[in-house]
Amino acid sequence: MMITELQLSTILSRSGPAARLFTPLLNKAMDCYEINTRERIAAFIAQIGHESGELHYLRELGSDAYLAKYDTGRLAMRLGNTPEADGDGQRYCGRGLIQITGLSNYRRCGDALELDLVNHPEWLEQPEYACLSAAWYWHNKGLNQLADEGDFEAITRRINGGLNGQVERVALYQLALSVLA
């Protein structure tokens, strides 16, 4: 199953012309990682829709001071960033449609996609790699199985670490299920 531009722009109604650009790239990425059923596609589109501001943001919003939360301390360590205040938090901030964050995730994603994301983290801001990294992350976290089970809350927790934006995510998911019916 593939998604059409009309379906994508209906689900992510604020995506505007980005829907045209992203439709073939998303289809390619979803195909690579078996995001290929109504339930999987609906959950995936809902999550990336929320995470990217409906395809508008491929880099985490926030000042250097905000992104410093990833630079030192327990969160930085959990993300694989160095413990020193050396800019890792800003360098490996959330990027791509699903907001890959932290040196460890950049390294694993880069290895999987055969890209040097450690030295070129900005590549995840390119639409093709933004799509592929999101689909890779989805697959890596076992989210197809959760989509098959209809456990949308668990999907959000694995992506977000909590339930931030869950009302919007669920609304997008319900709309996507309807549009893809």
C-alpha atoms as a PDB file:
ATOM      1  CA  MET A   1       0.000   0.000   0.000  1.00  0.00           C
ATOM      2  CA  MET A   2       1.214   3.486  -0.838  1.00  0.00           C
ATOM      3  CA  ILE A   3      -0.049   6.913   0.119  1.00  0.00           C
ATOM      4  CA  THR A   4      -1.106   9.424  -2.519  1.00  0.00           C
ATOM      5  CA  GLU A   5      -0.380  13.130  -2.481  1.00  0.00           C
ATOM      6  CA  LEU A   6      -4.093  13.820  -2.014  1.00  0.00           C
ATOM      7  CA  GLN A   7      -4.279  11.472   0.971  1.00  0.00           C
ATOM      8  CA  LEU A   8      -1.160  12.977   2.537  1.00  0.00           C
ATOM      9  CA  SER A   9      -2.344  16.559   2.055  1.00  0.00           C
ATOM     10  CA  THR A  10      -5.772  15.644   3.458  1.00  0.00           C
ATOM     11  CA  ILE A  11      -4.273  14.101   6.590  1.00  0.00           C
ATOM     12  CA  LEU A  12      -1.636  16.812   7.029  1.00  0.00           C
ATOM     13  CA  SER A  13      -3.813  19.706   5.887  1.00  0.00           C
ATOM     14  CA  ARG A  14      -1.238  22.346   6.823  1.00  0.00           C
ATOM     15  CA  SER A  15       1.529  20.694   4.784  1.00  0.00           C
ATOM     16  CA  GLY A  16       0.844  22.798   1.684  1.00  0.00           C
ATOM     17  CA  PRO A  17       3.251  22.220  -1.210  1.00  0.00           C
ATOM     18  CA  ALA A  18       5.449  20.006   0.989  1.00  0.00           C
ATOM     19  CA  ALA A  19       2.974  17.155   0.435  1.00  0.00           C
ATOM     20  CA  ARG A  20       3.943  17.003  -3.243  1.00  0.00           C
ATOM     21  CA  LEU A  21       7.662  16.850  -2.412  1.00  0.00           C
ATOM     22  CA  PHE A  22       7.338  14.337   0.420  1.00  0.00           C
ATOM     23  CA  THR A  23       4.828  11.850  -1.040  1.00  0.00           C
ATOM     24  CA  PRO A  24       7.267   9.878  -3.244  1.00  0.00           C
ATOM     25  CA  LEU A  25      10.031  10.113  -0.639  1.00  0.00           C
ATOM     26  CA  LEU A  26       7.750   8.799   2.094  1.00  0.00           C
ATOM     27  CA  ASN A  27       6.530   5.977  -0.118  1.00  0.00           C
ATOM     28  CA  LYS A  28      10.110   4.936  -0.847  1.00  0.00           C
ATOM     29  CA  ALA A  29      11.084   5.068   2.835  1.00  0.00           C
ATOM     30  CA  MET A  30       7.938   3.272   4.016  1.00  0.00           C
ATOM     31  CA  ASP A  31       8.489   0.552   1.420  1.00  0.00           C
ATOM     32  CA  CYS A  32      12.062  -0.003   2.648  1.00  0.00           C
ATOM     33  CA  TYR A  33      10.865  -0.574   6.219  1.00  0.00           C
ATOM     34  CA  GLU A  34       7.572  -2.426   5.611  1.00  0.00           C
ATOM     35  CA  ILE A  35       5.343   0.432   6.692  1.00  0.00           C
ATOM     36  CA  ASN A  36       2.851  -0.910   4.214  1.00  0.00           C
ATOM     37  CA  THR A  37      -0.564  -1.492   5.782  1.00  0.00           C
ATOM     38  CA  ARG A  38      -3.346   0.969   6.518  1.00  0.00           C
ATOM     39  CA  GLU A  39      -2.672   0.783  10.263  1.00  0.00           C
ATOM     40  CA  ARG A  40       1.092   1.170   9.941  1.00  0.00           C
ATOM     41  CA  ILE A  41       0.900   4.041   7.456  1.00  0.00           C
ATOM     42  CA  ALA A  42      -1.776   5.851   9.480  1.00  0.00           C
ATOM     43  CA  ALA A  43       0.247   5.639  12.691  1.00  0.00           C
ATOM     44  CA  PHE A  44       3.491   6.611  10.928  1.00  0.00           C
ATOM     45  CA  ILE A  45       1.978   9.634   9.143  1.00  0.00           C
ATOM     46  CA  ALA A  46       0.290  10.802  12.350  1.00  0.00           C
ATOM     47  CA  GLN A  47       3.545  10.628  14.301  1.00  0.00           C
ATOM     48  CA  ILE A  48       5.753  12.285  11.695  1.00  0.00           C
ATOM     49  CA  GLY A  49       3.007  14.836  11.099  1.00  0.00           C
ATOM     50  CA  HIS A  50       3.134  15.894  14.715  1.00  0.00           C
ATOM     51  CA  GLU A  51       6.910  15.678  15.082  1.00  0.00           C
ATOM     52  CA  SER A  52       7.568  17.781  11.952  1.00  0.00           C
ATOM     53  CA  GLY A  53       4.786  20.330  12.294  1.00  0.00           C
ATOM     54  CA  GLU A  54       3.056  18.703   9.315  1.00  0.00           C
ATOM     55  CA  LEU A  55       6.216  18.496   7.190  1.00  0.00           C
ATOM     56  CA  HIS A  56       7.384  22.044   7.944  1.00  0.00           C
ATOM     57  CA  TYR A  57      10.258  21.405  10.367  1.00  0.00           C
ATOM     58  CA  LEU A  58      13.139  19.048   9.744  1.00  0.00           C
ATOM     59  CA  ARG A  59      15.179  20.436  12.635  1.00  0.00           C
ATOM     60  CA  GLU A  60      14.148  20.759  16.259  1.00  0.00           C
ATOM     61  CA  LEU A  61      12.949  24.214  17.161  1.00  0.00           C
ATOM     62  CA  GLY A  62      14.819  25.927  19.952  1.00  0.00           C
ATOM     63  CA  SER A  63      17.693  28.231  20.710  1.00  0.00           C
ATOM     64  CA  ASP A  64      21.183  27.036  21.566  1.00  0.00           C
ATOM     65  CA  ALA A  65      20.288  27.584  25.220  1.00  0.00           C
ATOM     66  CA  TYR A  66      17.237  25.314  24.875  1.00  0.00           C
ATOM     67  CA  LEU A  67      19.216  22.625  23.036  1.00  0.00           C
ATOM     68  CA  ALA A  68      21.891  22.707  25.747  1.00  0.00           C
ATOM     69  CA  LYS A  69      19.649  20.304  27.687  1.00  0.00           C
ATOM     70  CA  TYR A  70      21.106  17.608  25.415  1.00  0.00           C
ATOM     71  CA  ASP A  71      24.689  18.761  26.025  1.00  0.00           C
ATOM     72  CA  THR A  72      25.415  17.785  29.638  1.00  0.00           C
ATOM     73  CA  GLY A  73      23.879  15.713  32.374  1.00  0.00           C
ATOM     74  CA  ARG A  74      21.835  12.534  32.425  1.00  0.00           C
ATOM     75  CA  LEU A  75      19.844  13.253  29.252  1.00  0.00           C
ATOM     76  CA  ALA A  76      23.029  13.933  27.294  1.00  0.00           C
ATOM     77  CA  MET A  77      24.578  10.704  28.556  1.00  0.00           C
ATOM     78  CA  ARG A  78      21.439   8.718  27.691  1.00  0.00           C
ATOM     79  CA  LEU A  79      21.605  10.094  24.138  1.00  0.00           C
ATOM     80  CA  GLY A  80      25.273   9.159  23.801  1.00  0.00           C
ATOM     81  CA  ASN A  81      26.523  12.743  23.835  1.00  0.00           C
ATOM     82  CA  THR A  82      29.744  13.560  25.629  1.00  0.00           C
ATOM     83  CA  PRO A  83      29.366  14.745  29.235  1.00  0.00           C
ATOM     84  CA  GLU A  84      31.298  17.972  28.574  1.00  0.00           C
ATOM     85  CA  ALA A  85      29.629  21.231  27.529  1.00  0.00           C
ATOM     86  CA  ASP A  86      31.057  20.940  24.026  1.00  0.00           C
ATOM     87  CA  GLY A  87      28.056  21.606  21.780  1.00  0.00           C
ATOM     88  CA  ASP A  88      26.910  18.008  21.232  1.00  0.00           C
ATOM     89  CA  GLY A  89      23.423  19.023  22.335  1.00  0.00           C
ATOM     90  CA  GLN A  90      23.172  21.577  19.573  1.00  0.00           C
ATOM     91  CA  ARG A  91      25.046  19.489  16.992  1.00  0.00           C
ATOM     92  CA  TYR A  92      22.918  16.358  17.519  1.00  0.00           C
ATOM     93  CA  CYS A  93      19.565  18.022  18.173  1.00  0.00           C
ATOM     94  CA  GLY A  94      16.386  16.514  16.764  1.00  0.00           C
ATOM     95  CA  ARG A  95      16.428  16.289  12.963  1.00  0.00           C
ATOM     96  CA  GLY A  96      14.374  14.561  10.305  1.00  0.00           C
ATOM     97  CA  LEU A  97      10.663  13.874  10.280  1.00  0.00           C
ATOM     98  CA  ILE A  98      10.806  11.939  13.543  1.00  0.00           C
ATOM     99  CA  GLN A  99      13.481  14.086  15.193  1.00  0.00           C
ATOM    100  CA  ILE A 100      16.487  11.741  15.513  1.00  0.00           C
ATOM    101  CA  THR A 101      18.281  13.089  18.614  1.00  0.00           C
ATOM    102  CA  GLY A 102      21.679  12.420  20.196  1.00  0.00           C
ATOM    103  CA  LEU A 103      25.017  11.121  18.978  1.00  0.00           C
ATOM    104  CA  SER A 104      24.117   7.461  19.572  1.00  0.00           C
ATOM    105  CA  ASN A 105      21.010   7.728  17.399  1.00  0.00           C
ATOM    106  CA  TYR A 106      22.874   9.666  14.700  1.00  0.00           C
ATOM    107  CA  ARG A 107      25.584   6.996  14.657  1.00  0.00           C
ATOM    108  CA  ARG A 108      23.124   4.065  14.460  1.00  0.00           C
ATOM    109  CA  CYS A 109      20.960   5.793  11.869  1.00  0.00           C
ATOM    110  CA  GLY A 110      23.989   6.753   9.802  1.00  0.00           C
ATOM    111  CA  ASP A 111      25.289   3.190   9.888  1.00  0.00           C
ATOM    112  CA  ALA A 112      21.905   1.843   8.763  1.00  0.00           C
ATOM    113  CA  LEU A 113      21.517   4.401   5.960  1.00  0.00           C
ATOM    114  CA  GLU A 114      25.232   4.283   5.045  1.00  0.00           C
ATOM    115  CA  LEU A 115      25.647   8.008   5.715  1.00  0.00           C
ATOM    116  CA  ASP A 116      28.223   9.845   7.809  1.00  0.00           C
ATOM    117  CA  LEU A 117      25.683  11.551  10.064  1.00  0.00           C
ATOM    118  CA  VAL A 118      28.219  11.971  12.863  1.00  0.00           C
ATOM    119  CA  ASN A 119      30.203  14.452  10.774  1.00  0.00           C
ATOM    120  CA  HIS A 120      27.214  15.679   8.757  1.00  0.00           C
ATOM    121  CA  PRO A 121      24.180  15.711  11.066  1.00  0.00           C
ATOM    122  CA  GLU A 122      22.594  18.400   8.879  1.00  0.00           C
ATOM    123  CA  TRP A 123      21.985  15.776   6.169  1.00  0.00           C
ATOM    124  CA  LEU A 124      18.889  14.717   8.134  1.00  0.00           C
ATOM    125  CA  GLU A 125      17.388  18.078   7.177  1.00  0.00           C
ATOM    126  CA  GLN A 126      17.303  16.975   3.523  1.00  0.00           C
ATOM    127  CA  PRO A 127      13.819  15.615   2.664  1.00  0.00           C
ATOM    128  CA  GLU A 128      15.023  12.226   1.388  1.00  0.00           C
ATOM    129  CA  TYR A 129      17.112  11.513   4.472  1.00  0.00           C
ATOM    130  CA  ALA A 130      14.451  13.000   6.758  1.00  0.00           C
ATOM    131  CA  CYS A 131      12.028  10.371   5.417  1.00  0.00           C
ATOM    132  CA  LEU A 132      14.487   7.476   5.467  1.00  0.00           C
ATOM    133  CA  SER A 133      15.669   8.277   8.996  1.00  0.00           C
ATOM    134  CA  ALA A 134      12.080   8.387  10.257  1.00  0.00           C
ATOM    135  CA  ALA A 135      11.245   5.035   8.667  1.00  0.00           C
ATOM    136  CA  TRP A 136      14.503   3.548   9.978  1.00  0.00           C
ATOM    137  CA  TYR A 137      13.728   4.779  13.514  1.00  0.00           C
ATOM    138  CA  TRP A 138      10.190   3.389  13.250  1.00  0.00           C
ATOM    139  CA  HIS A 139      11.519  -0.015  12.241  1.00  0.00           C
ATOM    140  CA  ASN A 140      14.361   0.048  14.768  1.00  0.00           C
ATOM    141  CA  LYS A 141      11.922   0.698  17.632  1.00  0.00           C
ATOM    142  CA  GLY A 142       9.560  -2.111  16.583  1.00  0.00           C
ATOM    143  CA  LEU A 143       6.705   0.257  15.838  1.00  0.00           C
ATOM    144  CA  ASN A 144       5.173  -1.793  13.016  1.00  0.00           C
ATOM    145  CA  GLN A 145       4.191  -4.410  15.574  1.00  0.00           C
ATOM    146  CA  LEU A 146       2.644  -1.797  17.856  1.00  0.00           C
ATOM    147  CA  ALA A 147       0.743  -0.325  14.900  1.00  0.00           C
ATOM    148  CA  ASP A 148      -0.525  -3.802  14.023  1.00  0.00           C
ATOM    149  CA  GLU A 149      -1.738  -4.149  17.624  1.00  0.00           C
ATOM    150  CA  GLY A 150      -3.336  -0.682  17.544  1.00  0.00           C
ATOM    151  CA  ASP A 151      -1.231   0.478  20.513  1.00  0.00           C
ATOM    152  CA  PHE A 152      -0.869   4.085  19.442  1.00  0.00           C
ATOM    153  CA  GLU A 153      -0.046   5.290  22.959  1.00  0.00           C
ATOM    154  CA  ALA A 154       2.959   2.960  23.163  1.00  0.00           C
ATOM    155  CA  ILE A 155       4.122   4.231  19.760  1.00  0.00           C
ATOM    156  CA  THR A 156       4.017   7.809  21.050  1.00  0.00           C
ATOM    157  CA  ARG A 157       5.943   6.861  24.175  1.00  0.00           C
ATOM    158  CA  ARG A 158       8.705   5.190  22.124  1.00  0.00           C
ATOM    159  CA  ILE A 159       9.011   8.200  19.844  1.00  0.00           C
ATOM    160  CA  ASN A 160       8.535  10.989  22.352  1.00  0.00           C
ATOM    161  CA  GLY A 161       9.479   9.448  25.683  1.00  0.00           C
ATOM    162  CA  GLY A 162       6.089  10.549  26.992  1.00  0.00           C
ATOM    163  CA  LEU A 163       2.752  11.679  25.638  1.00  0.00           C
ATOM    164  CA  ASN A 164       3.557  15.234  24.554  1.00  0.00           C
ATOM    165  CA  GLY A 165       1.116  16.324  21.857  1.00  0.00           C
ATOM    166  CA  GLN A 166      -0.938  13.150  22.188  1.00  0.00           C
ATOM    167  CA  VAL A 167      -4.260  14.873  21.490  1.00  0.00           C
ATOM    168  CA  GLU A 168      -2.979  16.121  18.132  1.00  0.00           C
ATOM    169  CA  ARG A 169      -1.268  12.813  17.371  1.00  0.00           C
ATOM    170  CA  VAL A 170      -4.481  10.854  18.012  1.00  0.00           C
ATOM    171  CA  ALA A 171      -6.528  13.275  15.910  1.00  0.00           C
ATOM    172  CA  LEU A 172      -4.088  12.842  13.001  1.00  0.00           C
ATOM    173  CA  TYR A 173      -4.151   9.069  13.474  1.00  0.00           C
ATOM    174  CA  GLN A 174      -7.943   8.884  13.413  1.00  0.00           C
ATOM    175  CA  LEU A 175      -8.046  11.101  10.336  1.00  0.00           C
ATOM    176  CA  ALA A 176      -5.379   9.002   8.616  1.00  0.00           C
ATOM    177  CA  LEU A 177      -7.284   5.774   9.316  1.00  0.00           C
ATOM    178  CA  SER A 178     -10.372   7.355   7.782  1.00  0.00           C
ATOM    179  CA  VAL A 179      -8.596   8.758   4.742  1.00  0.00           C
ATOM    180  CA  LEU A 180      -6.767   5.488   4.073  1.00  0.00           C
ATOM    181  CA  ALA A 181      -9.937   3.346   4.385  1.00  0.00           C
END
